[in-house]
Amino acid sequence: MVRLRVSQILEEQNKTDYWLMTRLNMCYRNYTNMVTGVTKSIRYDILDKMSKLLEVPISELLEQVDDEPEK
C-alpha cells in the first residue's frame, strides 16, 4: 500500500494542514480524505503542487507500507 507522508513533512517543517490545504485550494473534506488515505487516487497536478509548496521531491511525499491484514 502507498500512503502520503504529508503530515510528517508538515510537522518537520513546522507548518499546518491548514497552511497546505489553503495553498492547494482544497476543501477540508477532500484534503482530509487525501492525507488520511480515504481517497483512492490523487491527481498528478496536486502531487506536483504539494511537492513544490513543501520543497521536497514527489518521492518524499509517498511511502510504501505493508498492507493491513483484512478483518
C-alpha atoms as a PDB file:
ATOM      1  CA  MET A   1       0.000   0.000   0.000  1.00  0.00           C
ATOM      2  CA  VAL A   2       1.184   3.543  -0.723  1.00  0.00           C
ATOM      3  CA  ARG A   3       0.348   6.472   1.516  1.00  0.00           C
ATOM      4  CA  LEU A   4       1.155  10.156   1.749  1.00  0.00           C
ATOM      5  CA  ARG A   5       3.707  11.406   4.268  1.00  0.00           C
ATOM      6  CA  VAL A   6       2.273  14.918   4.202  1.00  0.00           C
ATOM      7  CA  SER A   7       1.501  15.106   7.923  1.00  0.00           C
ATOM      8  CA  GLN A   8       5.039  14.084   8.886  1.00  0.00           C
ATOM      9  CA  ILE A   9       6.597  16.545   6.439  1.00  0.00           C
ATOM     10  CA  LEU A  10       4.387  19.382   7.649  1.00  0.00           C
ATOM     11  CA  GLU A  11       5.355  18.632  11.243  1.00  0.00           C
ATOM     12  CA  GLU A  12       9.072  18.584  10.340  1.00  0.00           C
ATOM     13  CA  GLN A  13       8.651  21.975   8.666  1.00  0.00           C
ATOM     14  CA  ASN A  14       6.522  23.456  11.469  1.00  0.00           C
ATOM     15  CA  LYS A  15       3.637  24.003   9.076  1.00  0.00           C
ATOM     16  CA  THR A  16      -0.015  23.080   9.474  1.00  0.00           C
ATOM     17  CA  ASP A  17      -2.520  21.143   7.439  1.00  0.00           C
ATOM     18  CA  TYR A  18      -4.468  24.381   7.118  1.00  0.00           C
ATOM     19  CA  TRP A  19      -1.422  26.090   5.588  1.00  0.00           C
ATOM     20  CA  LEU A  20      -1.131  23.414   2.896  1.00  0.00           C
ATOM     21  CA  MET A  21      -4.871  22.957   2.343  1.00  0.00           C
ATOM     22  CA  THR A  22      -5.378  26.645   1.594  1.00  0.00           C
ATOM     23  CA  ARG A  23      -2.417  26.802  -0.777  1.00  0.00           C
ATOM     24  CA  LEU A  24      -3.704  23.745  -2.625  1.00  0.00           C
ATOM     25  CA  ASN A  25      -7.105  25.432  -2.812  1.00  0.00           C
ATOM     26  CA  MET A  26      -8.814  22.305  -1.491  1.00  0.00           C
ATOM     27  CA  CYS A  27     -11.834  21.981   0.748  1.00  0.00           C
ATOM     28  CA  TYR A  28     -11.345  20.466   4.199  1.00  0.00           C
ATOM     29  CA  ARG A  29     -13.131  17.209   3.379  1.00  0.00           C
ATOM     30  CA  ASN A  30     -11.143  16.454   0.210  1.00  0.00           C
ATOM     31  CA  TYR A  31      -7.845  17.404   1.837  1.00  0.00           C
ATOM     32  CA  THR A  32      -8.512  15.275   4.920  1.00  0.00           C
ATOM     33  CA  ASN A  33      -9.615  12.304   2.823  1.00  0.00           C
ATOM     34  CA  MET A  34      -6.434  12.600   0.775  1.00  0.00           C
ATOM     35  CA  VAL A  35      -3.961  12.784   3.675  1.00  0.00           C
ATOM     36  CA  THR A  36      -5.695  10.076   5.729  1.00  0.00           C
ATOM     37  CA  GLY A  37      -5.780   7.603   2.849  1.00  0.00           C
ATOM     38  CA  VAL A  38      -9.546   7.526   2.352  1.00  0.00           C
ATOM     39  CA  THR A  39      -9.133   8.782  -1.222  1.00  0.00           C
ATOM     40  CA  LYS A  40      -8.055   6.046  -3.616  1.00  0.00           C
ATOM     41  CA  SER A  41      -6.443   8.354  -6.186  1.00  0.00           C
ATOM     42  CA  ILE A  42      -4.617  11.674  -6.290  1.00  0.00           C
ATOM     43  CA  ARG A  43      -4.198  13.853  -9.355  1.00  0.00           C
ATOM     44  CA  TYR A  44      -0.668  14.379 -10.619  1.00  0.00           C
ATOM     45  CA  ASP A  45      -1.058  18.143 -10.550  1.00  0.00           C
ATOM     46  CA  ILE A  46      -1.900  18.016  -6.822  1.00  0.00           C
ATOM     47  CA  LEU A  47       1.211  15.917  -6.115  1.00  0.00           C
ATOM     48  CA  ASP A  48       3.296  18.325  -8.167  1.00  0.00           C
ATOM     49  CA  LYS A  49       1.934  21.373  -6.364  1.00  0.00           C
ATOM     50  CA  MET A  50       2.402  19.733  -2.939  1.00  0.00           C
ATOM     51  CA  SER A  51       5.968  18.883  -3.838  1.00  0.00           C
ATOM     52  CA  LYS A  52       6.709  22.478  -4.795  1.00  0.00           C
ATOM     53  CA  LEU A  53       4.974  24.005  -1.784  1.00  0.00           C
ATOM     54  CA  LEU A  54       6.778  21.702   0.639  1.00  0.00           C
ATOM     55  CA  GLU A  55      10.033  21.920  -1.328  1.00  0.00           C
ATOM     56  CA  VAL A  56      10.539  18.154  -1.400  1.00  0.00           C
ATOM     57  CA  PRO A  57      10.693  15.701  -4.297  1.00  0.00           C
ATOM     58  CA  ILE A  58       7.459  13.882  -5.040  1.00  0.00           C
ATOM     59  CA  SER A  59       9.129  10.641  -3.968  1.00  0.00           C
ATOM     60  CA  GLU A  60       9.394  12.021  -0.410  1.00  0.00           C
ATOM     61  CA  LEU A  61       5.651  12.645  -0.301  1.00  0.00           C
ATOM     62  CA  LEU A  62       4.925   8.938  -0.691  1.00  0.00           C
ATOM     63  CA  GLU A  63       5.859   5.859   1.284  1.00  0.00           C
ATOM     64  CA  GLN A  64       5.135   2.213   0.759  1.00  0.00           C
ATOM     65  CA  VAL A  65       3.824   0.345   3.794  1.00  0.00           C
ATOM     66  CA  ASP A  66       2.733  -3.214   4.398  1.00  0.00           C
ATOM     67  CA  ASP A  67      -0.921  -3.858   3.640  1.00  0.00           C
ATOM     68  CA  GLU A  68      -3.090  -4.067   6.707  1.00  0.00           C
ATOM     69  CA  PRO A  69      -4.479  -7.559   7.288  1.00  0.00           C
ATOM     70  CA  GLU A  70      -8.121  -7.927   6.331  1.00  0.00           C
ATOM     71  CA  LYS A  71     -10.560  -8.408   9.179  1.00  0.00           C
END
